[in-house]
């Protein structure tokens, strides 16, 4: 199932060259870890500042 929720990034740790493990705290689910693709380059579709700690 897919859920859309807001959360605060607690930490971000590299897993390998392509992925990072990001821990996020949400009101609905508490603390959750996600395996997310790393952002590379300026032309990336994902803004890298979204995954820096304490970002909302």
C-alpha atoms as a PDB file:
ATOM      1  CA  UNK A   1       0.000   0.000   0.000  1.00  0.00           C
ATOM      2  CA  UNK A   2       1.046   3.571  -0.609  1.00  0.00           C
ATOM      3  CA  UNK A   3       0.655   6.280   1.994  1.00  0.00           C
ATOM      4  CA  UNK A   4       1.327   9.970   1.668  1.00  0.00           C
ATOM      5  CA  UNK A   5       2.575  11.556   4.884  1.00  0.00           C
ATOM      6  CA  UNK A   6       4.969  14.233   6.080  1.00  0.00           C
ATOM      7  CA  UNK A   7       7.975  13.490   8.235  1.00  0.00           C
ATOM      8  CA  UNK A   8      11.265  14.759   9.612  1.00  0.00           C
ATOM      9  CA  UNK A   9      14.522  13.213   8.367  1.00  0.00           C
ATOM     10  CA  UNK A  10      16.530  11.975  11.360  1.00  0.00           C
ATOM     11  CA  UNK A  11      19.573  10.451   9.670  1.00  0.00           C
ATOM     12  CA  UNK A  12      20.945   9.407   6.318  1.00  0.00           C
ATOM     13  CA  UNK A  13      23.541   6.637   5.915  1.00  0.00           C
ATOM     14  CA  UNK A  14      25.089   5.288   2.725  1.00  0.00           C
ATOM     15  CA  UNK A  15      24.186   1.700   1.892  1.00  0.00           C
ATOM     16  CA  UNK A  16      26.098   1.249  -1.368  1.00  0.00           C
ATOM     17  CA  UNK A  17      26.898   3.329  -4.469  1.00  0.00           C
ATOM     18  CA  UNK A  18      23.268   3.655  -5.537  1.00  0.00           C
ATOM     19  CA  UNK A  19      21.192   3.639  -2.347  1.00  0.00           C
ATOM     20  CA  UNK A  20      21.073   5.259   1.091  1.00  0.00           C
ATOM     21  CA  UNK A  21      19.164   4.281   4.229  1.00  0.00           C
ATOM     22  CA  UNK A  22      17.173   7.247   5.489  1.00  0.00           C
ATOM     23  CA  UNK A  23      15.409   7.269   8.855  1.00  0.00           C
ATOM     24  CA  UNK A  24      12.287   9.422   9.016  1.00  0.00           C
ATOM     25  CA  UNK A  25       9.954  10.247  11.917  1.00  0.00           C
ATOM     26  CA  UNK A  26       6.254  10.672  11.052  1.00  0.00           C
ATOM     27  CA  UNK A  27       3.227  11.321  13.244  1.00  0.00           C
ATOM     28  CA  UNK A  28       1.272   8.377  11.865  1.00  0.00           C
ATOM     29  CA  UNK A  29       3.958   5.678  11.721  1.00  0.00           C
ATOM     30  CA  UNK A  30       6.667   6.863  14.125  1.00  0.00           C
ATOM     31  CA  UNK A  31      10.287   6.183  13.191  1.00  0.00           C
ATOM     32  CA  UNK A  32      10.685   4.374   9.853  1.00  0.00           C
ATOM     33  CA  UNK A  33      13.724   3.478   7.728  1.00  0.00           C
ATOM     34  CA  UNK A  34      13.597   3.797   3.944  1.00  0.00           C
ATOM     35  CA  UNK A  35      15.968   2.515   1.277  1.00  0.00           C
ATOM     36  CA  UNK A  36      16.127   5.451  -1.145  1.00  0.00           C
ATOM     37  CA  UNK A  37      18.156   6.066  -4.308  1.00  0.00           C
ATOM     38  CA  UNK A  38      21.012   8.520  -3.900  1.00  0.00           C
ATOM     39  CA  UNK A  39      20.747  11.798  -5.754  1.00  0.00           C
ATOM     40  CA  UNK A  40      23.522  12.438  -8.253  1.00  0.00           C
ATOM     41  CA  UNK A  41      24.293  15.598 -10.164  1.00  0.00           C
ATOM     42  CA  UNK A  42      22.423  18.823 -10.707  1.00  0.00           C
ATOM     43  CA  UNK A  43      19.938  17.347 -13.137  1.00  0.00           C
ATOM     44  CA  UNK A  44      18.558  14.884 -10.619  1.00  0.00           C
ATOM     45  CA  UNK A  45      14.759  14.829 -10.324  1.00  0.00           C
ATOM     46  CA  UNK A  46      15.061  14.567  -6.536  1.00  0.00           C
ATOM     47  CA  UNK A  47      16.320  17.550  -4.555  1.00  0.00           C
ATOM     48  CA  UNK A  48      19.232  16.330  -2.347  1.00  0.00           C
ATOM     49  CA  UNK A  49      18.397  18.800   0.440  1.00  0.00           C
ATOM     50  CA  UNK A  50      15.200  16.850   1.135  1.00  0.00           C
ATOM     51  CA  UNK A  51      17.292  14.027   2.613  1.00  0.00           C
ATOM     52  CA  UNK A  52      19.542  16.087   4.873  1.00  0.00           C
ATOM     53  CA  UNK A  53      18.927  15.568   8.619  1.00  0.00           C
ATOM     54  CA  UNK A  54      16.226  17.679  10.299  1.00  0.00           C
ATOM     55  CA  UNK A  55      14.565  18.630   7.020  1.00  0.00           C
ATOM     56  CA  UNK A  56      10.781  18.441   6.803  1.00  0.00           C
END
